[in-house]
PDB file of N, CA and C in Angstrom:
ATOM      1  N   UNK A   1     -19.286  32.854  22.708  1.00  0.00           N
ATOM      2  CA  UNK A   1     -18.613  33.504  21.306  1.00  0.00           C
ATOM      3  C   UNK A   1     -17.024  33.018  21.227  1.00  0.00           C
ATOM      4  N   UNK A   2     -16.526  32.781  22.464  1.00  0.00           N
ATOM      5  CA  UNK A   2     -15.473  32.250  22.526  1.00  0.00           C
ATOM      6  C   UNK A   2     -14.983  31.133  21.717  1.00  0.00           C
ATOM      7  N   UNK A   3     -15.990  30.166  22.082  1.00  0.00           N
ATOM      8  CA  UNK A   3     -16.075  28.932  21.203  1.00  0.00           C
ATOM      9  C   UNK A   3     -16.138  29.026  19.710  1.00  0.00           C
ATOM     10  N   UNK A   4     -16.373  29.742  19.021  1.00  0.00           N
ATOM     11  CA  UNK A   4     -16.563  30.229  17.598  1.00  0.00           C
ATOM     12  C   UNK A   4     -15.185  30.372  16.967  1.00  0.00           C
ATOM     13  N   UNK A   5     -14.455  31.266  17.907  1.00  0.00           N
ATOM     14  CA  UNK A   5     -13.228  31.326  17.509  1.00  0.00           C
ATOM     15  C   UNK A   5     -12.315  30.127  17.374  1.00  0.00           C
ATOM     16  N   UNK A   6     -12.528  29.314  18.269  1.00  0.00           N
ATOM     17  CA  UNK A   6     -12.223  28.139  18.087  1.00  0.00           C
ATOM     18  C   UNK A   6     -12.862  26.905  16.788  1.00  0.00           C
ATOM     19  N   UNK A   7     -14.115  27.061  16.961  1.00  0.00           N
ATOM     20  CA  UNK A   7     -14.888  25.659  16.072  1.00  0.00           C
ATOM     21  C   UNK A   7     -14.836  26.619  14.685  1.00  0.00           C
ATOM     22  N   UNK A   8     -14.896  27.619  14.304  1.00  0.00           N
ATOM     23  CA  UNK A   8     -14.890  28.096  12.710  1.00  0.00           C
ATOM     24  C   UNK A   8     -13.788  27.522  12.219  1.00  0.00           C
ATOM     25  N   UNK A   9     -12.402  27.860  12.811  1.00  0.00           N
ATOM     26  CA  UNK A   9     -11.223  27.455  12.089  1.00  0.00           C
ATOM     27  C   UNK A   9     -11.242  26.110  11.839  1.00  0.00           C
ATOM     28  N   UNK A  10     -11.831  25.396  12.710  1.00  0.00           N
ATOM     29  CA  UNK A  10     -11.599  23.697  12.723  1.00  0.00           C
ATOM     30  C   UNK A  10     -12.333  23.393  11.798  1.00  0.00           C
ATOM     31  N   UNK A  11     -13.627  23.992  11.543  1.00  0.00           N
ATOM     32  CA  UNK A  11     -14.718  23.329  10.399  1.00  0.00           C
ATOM     33  C   UNK A  11     -14.035  24.209   8.986  1.00  0.00           C
ATOM     34  N   UNK A  12     -13.461  25.110   9.049  1.00  0.00           N
ATOM     35  CA  UNK A  12     -12.565  25.300   7.475  1.00  0.00           C
ATOM     36  C   UNK A  12     -11.670  24.488   7.154  1.00  0.00           C
ATOM     37  N   UNK A  13     -10.581  24.258   8.319  1.00  0.00           N
ATOM     38  CA  UNK A  13      -9.458  22.715   8.188  1.00  0.00           C
ATOM     39  C   UNK A  13     -10.438  21.374   7.888  1.00  0.00           C
ATOM     40  N   UNK A  14     -11.345  21.298   8.194  1.00  0.00           N
ATOM     41  CA  UNK A  14     -12.048  19.917   7.651  1.00  0.00           C
ATOM     42  C   UNK A  14     -12.399  20.386   6.484  1.00  0.00           C
ATOM     43  N   UNK A  15     -13.265  21.196   6.037  1.00  0.00           N
ATOM     44  CA  UNK A  15     -13.630  21.391   4.800  1.00  0.00           C
ATOM     45  C   UNK A  15     -12.980  21.291   3.753  1.00  0.00           C
ATOM     46  N   UNK A  16     -11.633  21.940   3.719  1.00  0.00           N
ATOM     47  CA  UNK A  16     -10.427  22.004   2.995  1.00  0.00           C
ATOM     48  C   UNK A  16      -9.824  20.728   2.645  1.00  0.00           C
ATOM     49  N   UNK A  17      -9.851  19.906   4.146  1.00  0.00           N
ATOM     50  CA  UNK A  17      -9.381  18.634   4.191  1.00  0.00           C
ATOM     51  C   UNK A  17      -9.988  17.721   3.107  1.00  0.00           C
ATOM     52  N   UNK A  18     -11.252  17.792   3.340  1.00  0.00           N
ATOM     53  CA  UNK A  18     -12.320  17.103   2.462  1.00  0.00           C
ATOM     54  C   UNK A  18     -12.358  17.604   0.819  1.00  0.00           C
ATOM     55  N   UNK A  19     -12.227  18.617   0.722  1.00  0.00           N
ATOM     56  CA  UNK A  19     -12.063  18.902  -0.665  1.00  0.00           C
ATOM     57  C   UNK A  19     -10.715  18.817  -1.169  1.00  0.00           C
ATOM     58  N   UNK A  20      -9.699  18.599  -0.621  1.00  0.00           N
ATOM     59  CA  UNK A  20      -8.410  18.001  -0.992  1.00  0.00           C
ATOM     60  C   UNK A  20      -8.210  16.359  -1.353  1.00  0.00           C
ATOM     61  N   UNK A  21      -8.998  16.033  -0.203  1.00  0.00           N
ATOM     62  CA  UNK A  21      -9.145  14.521  -0.535  1.00  0.00           C
ATOM     63  C   UNK A  21      -9.914  14.350  -2.069  1.00  0.00           C
ATOM     64  N   UNK A  22     -11.207  15.082  -1.903  1.00  0.00           N
ATOM     65  CA  UNK A  22     -12.088  15.025  -3.430  1.00  0.00           C
ATOM     66  C   UNK A  22     -11.167  15.269  -4.440  1.00  0.00           C
ATOM     67  N   UNK A  23     -10.391  16.297  -4.345  1.00  0.00           N
ATOM     68  CA  UNK A  23      -9.656  16.655  -5.811  1.00  0.00           C
ATOM     69  C   UNK A  23      -8.463  15.800  -6.014  1.00  0.00           C
ATOM     70  N   UNK A  24      -7.699  15.075  -4.780  1.00  0.00           N
ATOM     71  CA  UNK A  24      -6.870  13.995  -5.109  1.00  0.00           C
ATOM     72  C   UNK A  24      -7.318  12.693  -5.639  1.00  0.00           C
ATOM     73  N   UNK A  25      -8.674  12.420  -5.414  1.00  0.00           N
ATOM     74  CA  UNK A  25      -9.491  11.099  -5.893  1.00  0.00           C
ATOM     75  C   UNK A  25      -9.417  11.457  -7.417  1.00  0.00           C
ATOM     76  N   UNK A  26     -10.021  12.619  -7.790  1.00  0.00           N
ATOM     77  CA  UNK A  26     -10.122  13.166  -9.333  1.00  0.00           C
ATOM     78  C   UNK A  26      -9.029  12.787 -10.311  1.00  0.00           C
ATOM     79  N   UNK A  27      -7.907  13.268  -9.503  1.00  0.00           N
ATOM     80  CA  UNK A  27      -6.666  13.376 -10.204  1.00  0.00           C
ATOM     81  C   UNK A  27      -6.032  11.883 -10.044  1.00  0.00           C
ATOM     82  N   UNK A  28      -6.457  10.834  -9.478  1.00  0.00           N
ATOM     83  CA  UNK A  28      -5.927   9.858  -9.337  1.00  0.00           C
ATOM     84  C   UNK A  28      -7.116   8.910 -10.055  1.00  0.00           C
ATOM     85  N   UNK A  29      -7.830   9.212 -10.878  1.00  0.00           N
ATOM     86  CA  UNK A  29      -8.770   8.190 -11.517  1.00  0.00           C
ATOM     87  C   UNK A  29      -9.659   7.284 -10.432  1.00  0.00           C
ATOM     88  N   UNK A  30     -10.191   8.067  -9.345  1.00  0.00           N
ATOM     89  CA  UNK A  30     -11.129   6.893  -8.733  1.00  0.00           C
ATOM     90  C   UNK A  30     -12.178   6.982  -9.335  1.00  0.00           C
ATOM     91  N   UNK A  31     -12.835   7.727 -10.182  1.00  0.00           N
ATOM     92  CA  UNK A  31     -14.142   7.666 -10.664  1.00  0.00           C
ATOM     93  C   UNK A  31     -14.148   7.305 -12.355  1.00  0.00           C
ATOM     94  N   UNK A  32     -13.081   6.618 -12.709  1.00  0.00           N
ATOM     95  CA  UNK A  32     -12.942   6.303 -13.979  1.00  0.00           C
ATOM     96  C   UNK A  32     -13.821   5.316 -14.729  1.00  0.00           C
ATOM     97  N   UNK A  33     -13.849   4.265 -13.500  1.00  0.00           N
ATOM     98  CA  UNK A  33     -14.802   3.137 -13.933  1.00  0.00           C
ATOM     99  C   UNK A  33     -15.742   2.738 -13.298  1.00  0.00           C
ATOM    100  N   UNK A  34     -16.839   3.350 -13.336  1.00  0.00           N
ATOM    101  CA  UNK A  34     -17.782   3.426 -12.235  1.00  0.00           C
ATOM    102  C   UNK A  34     -18.712   1.947 -12.828  1.00  0.00           C
ATOM    103  N   UNK A  35     -18.878   1.676 -13.985  1.00  0.00           N
ATOM    104  CA  UNK A  35     -19.763   0.369 -13.959  1.00  0.00           C
ATOM    105  C   UNK A  35     -18.647  -0.833 -14.187  1.00  0.00           C
ATOM    106  N   UNK A  36     -17.634  -0.651 -13.843  1.00  0.00           N
ATOM    107  CA  UNK A  36     -16.919  -2.153 -13.683  1.00  0.00           C
ATOM    108  C   UNK A  36     -16.828  -2.469 -12.451  1.00  0.00           C
ATOM    109  N   UNK A  37     -17.324  -2.138 -11.371  1.00  0.00           N
ATOM    110  CA  UNK A  37     -17.306  -2.637  -9.997  1.00  0.00           C
ATOM    111  C   UNK A  37     -18.990  -3.174  -9.847  1.00  0.00           C
ATOM    112  N   UNK A  38     -19.777  -2.488 -10.600  1.00  0.00           N
ATOM    113  CA  UNK A  38     -21.193  -2.959 -10.530  1.00  0.00           C
ATOM    114  C   UNK A  38     -21.340  -4.230 -11.554  1.00  0.00           C
ATOM    115  N   UNK A  39     -20.475  -4.467 -12.635  1.00  0.00           N
ATOM    116  CA  UNK A  39     -20.649  -5.721 -13.264  1.00  0.00           C
ATOM    117  C   UNK A  39     -19.603  -6.968 -12.479  1.00  0.00           C
ATOM    118  N   UNK A  40     -18.325  -6.537 -11.802  1.00  0.00           N
ATOM    119  CA  UNK A  40     -17.824  -7.431 -10.951  1.00  0.00           C
ATOM    120  C   UNK A  40     -18.622  -8.223  -9.888  1.00  0.00           C
ATOM    121  N   UNK A  41     -19.347  -7.620  -9.284  1.00  0.00           N
ATOM    122  CA  UNK A  41     -19.894  -7.995  -8.095  1.00  0.00           C
ATOM    123  C   UNK A  41     -20.936  -9.139  -8.699  1.00  0.00           C
ATOM    124  N   UNK A  42     -21.601  -9.050  -9.734  1.00  0.00           N
ATOM    125  CA  UNK A  42     -22.382  -9.970 -10.417  1.00  0.00           C
ATOM    126  C   UNK A  42     -21.712 -11.538 -11.005  1.00  0.00           C
ATOM    127  N   UNK A  43     -20.205 -11.346 -11.173  1.00  0.00           N
ATOM    128  CA  UNK A  43     -19.256 -12.546 -11.629  1.00  0.00           C
ATOM    129  C   UNK A  43     -19.311 -13.472 -10.600  1.00  0.00           C
ATOM    130  N   UNK A  44     -19.593 -14.578 -11.013  1.00  0.00           N
ATOM    131  CA  UNK A  44     -19.374 -15.759  -9.883  1.00  0.00           C
ATOM    132  C   UNK A  44     -18.158 -16.590  -9.902  1.00  0.00           C
ATOM    133  N   UNK A  45     -17.056 -16.044  -9.058  1.00  0.00           N
ATOM    134  CA  UNK A  45     -15.722 -16.614  -9.069  1.00  0.00           C
ATOM    135  C   UNK A  45     -15.712 -17.473  -8.181  1.00  0.00           C
ATOM    136  N   UNK A  46     -16.573 -17.875  -7.247  1.00  0.00           N
ATOM    137  CA  UNK A  46     -16.280 -18.518  -6.058  1.00  0.00           C
ATOM    138  C   UNK A  46     -16.272 -20.096  -6.676  1.00  0.00           C
ATOM    139  N   UNK A  47     -15.150 -20.619  -6.573  1.00  0.00           N
ATOM    140  CA  UNK A  47     -14.749 -21.843  -6.526  1.00  0.00           C
ATOM    141  C   UNK A  47     -14.399 -22.461  -5.100  1.00  0.00           C
ATOM    142  N   UNK A  48     -14.986 -23.582  -4.796  1.00  0.00           N
ATOM    143  CA  UNK A  48     -14.665 -24.691  -3.515  1.00  0.00           C
ATOM    144  C   UNK A  48     -13.165 -24.693  -3.689  1.00  0.00           C
ATOM    145  N   UNK A  49     -12.658 -24.635  -2.464  1.00  0.00           N
ATOM    146  CA  UNK A  49     -11.268 -24.972  -2.022  1.00  0.00           C
ATOM    147  C   UNK A  49     -11.310 -26.290  -1.952  1.00  0.00           C
ATOM    148  N   UNK A  50     -10.043 -27.088  -2.422  1.00  0.00           N
ATOM    149  CA  UNK A  50      -9.880 -28.431  -2.440  1.00  0.00           C
ATOM    150  C   UNK A  50     -10.213 -29.206  -1.003  1.00  0.00           C
ATOM    151  N   UNK A  51     -10.029 -28.569   0.250  1.00  0.00           N
ATOM    152  CA  UNK A  51     -10.666 -29.104   1.494  1.00  0.00           C
ATOM    153  C   UNK A  51     -12.235 -29.228   1.524  1.00  0.00           C
ATOM    154  N   UNK A  52     -12.778 -28.109   0.852  1.00  0.00           N
ATOM    155  CA  UNK A  52     -14.144 -28.054   0.654  1.00  0.00           C
ATOM    156  C   UNK A  52     -15.026 -29.009   0.156  1.00  0.00           C
ATOM    157  N   UNK A  53     -14.343 -29.589  -1.148  1.00  0.00           N
ATOM    158  CA  UNK A  53     -14.533 -30.266  -2.120  1.00  0.00           C
ATOM    159  C   UNK A  53     -15.194 -31.747  -1.402  1.00  0.00           C
ATOM    160  N   UNK A  54     -16.421 -32.272  -1.977  1.00  0.00           N
ATOM    161  CA  UNK A  54     -16.784 -33.689  -1.695  1.00  0.00           C
ATOM    162  C   UNK A  54     -15.739 -34.779  -1.567  1.00  0.00           C
ATOM    163  N   UNK A  55     -16.019 -35.412  -0.621  1.00  0.00           N
ATOM    164  CA  UNK A  55     -14.769 -36.664  -0.730  1.00  0.00           C
ATOM    165  C   UNK A  55     -13.589 -35.989  -0.015  1.00  0.00           C
ATOM    166  N   UNK A  56     -13.415 -35.081   0.483  1.00  0.00           N
ATOM    167  CA  UNK A  56     -12.364 -34.511   0.910  1.00  0.00           C
ATOM    168  C   UNK A  56     -11.893 -35.352   2.374  1.00  0.00           C
ATOM    169  N   UNK A  57     -10.552 -34.800   2.941  1.00  0.00           N
ATOM    170  CA  UNK A  57     -10.201 -35.407   4.364  1.00  0.00           C
ATOM    171  C   UNK A  57     -10.448 -34.313   5.280  1.00  0.00           C
ATOM    172  N   UNK A  58     -11.002 -34.877   6.394  1.00  0.00           N
ATOM    173  CA  UNK A  58     -11.125 -34.204   7.678  1.00  0.00           C
ATOM    174  C   UNK A  58      -9.731 -34.139   8.180  1.00  0.00           C
ATOM    175  N   UNK A  59      -9.366 -32.744   8.436  1.00  0.00           N
ATOM    176  CA  UNK A  59      -7.704 -32.255   8.739  1.00  0.00           C
ATOM    177  C   UNK A  59      -7.477 -32.830  10.140  1.00  0.00           C
ATOM    178  N   UNK A  60      -8.611 -32.788  10.712  1.00  0.00           N
ATOM    179  CA  UNK A  60      -8.364 -33.032  12.482  1.00  0.00           C
ATOM    180  C   UNK A  60      -8.111 -34.627  12.765  1.00  0.00           C
ATOM    181  N   UNK A  61      -8.999 -35.333  11.748  1.00  0.00           N
ATOM    182  CA  UNK A  61      -8.826 -36.950  12.080  1.00  0.00           C
ATOM    183  C   UNK A  61      -8.208 -37.767  10.891  1.00  0.00           C
ATOM    184  N   UNK A  62      -7.873 -36.981   9.692  1.00  0.00           N
ATOM    185  CA  UNK A  62      -7.382 -37.398   8.734  1.00  0.00           C
ATOM    186  C   UNK A  62      -8.248 -38.467   8.034  1.00  0.00           C
ATOM    187  N   UNK A  63      -9.661 -38.815   8.378  1.00  0.00           N
ATOM    188  CA  UNK A  63     -10.574 -39.707   7.685  1.00  0.00           C
ATOM    189  C   UNK A  63     -11.390 -38.911   7.077  1.00  0.00           C
ATOM    190  N   UNK A  64     -11.884 -39.623   5.671  1.00  0.00           N
ATOM    191  CA  UNK A  64     -12.638 -39.058   4.843  1.00  0.00           C
ATOM    192  C   UNK A  64     -13.758 -38.241   5.438  1.00  0.00           C
ATOM    193  N   UNK A  65     -14.177 -37.204   4.912  1.00  0.00           N
ATOM    194  CA  UNK A  65     -15.319 -36.704   5.557  1.00  0.00           C
ATOM    195  C   UNK A  65     -16.547 -37.322   5.253  1.00  0.00           C
ATOM    196  N   UNK A  66     -17.630 -37.097   5.496  1.00  0.00           N
ATOM    197  CA  UNK A  66     -18.818 -37.941   5.419  1.00  0.00           C
ATOM    198  C   UNK A  66     -20.221 -37.098   5.014  1.00  0.00           C
TER     199      UNK A  66
END
């Protein structure tokens, strides 16, 4: 019974913290663009770096890569 005196206020504090974080995220527009992230993941923006391009050089030996 003594443990409930400690656990109930801790549970209420955690619940209020979660509610506060949720309300903060609503006010700051975290849920404004729900479809944008879904479409951004489909975009193919991956471009090879200059070092990864065919015919590049190996940094360790300065020789053309094969």
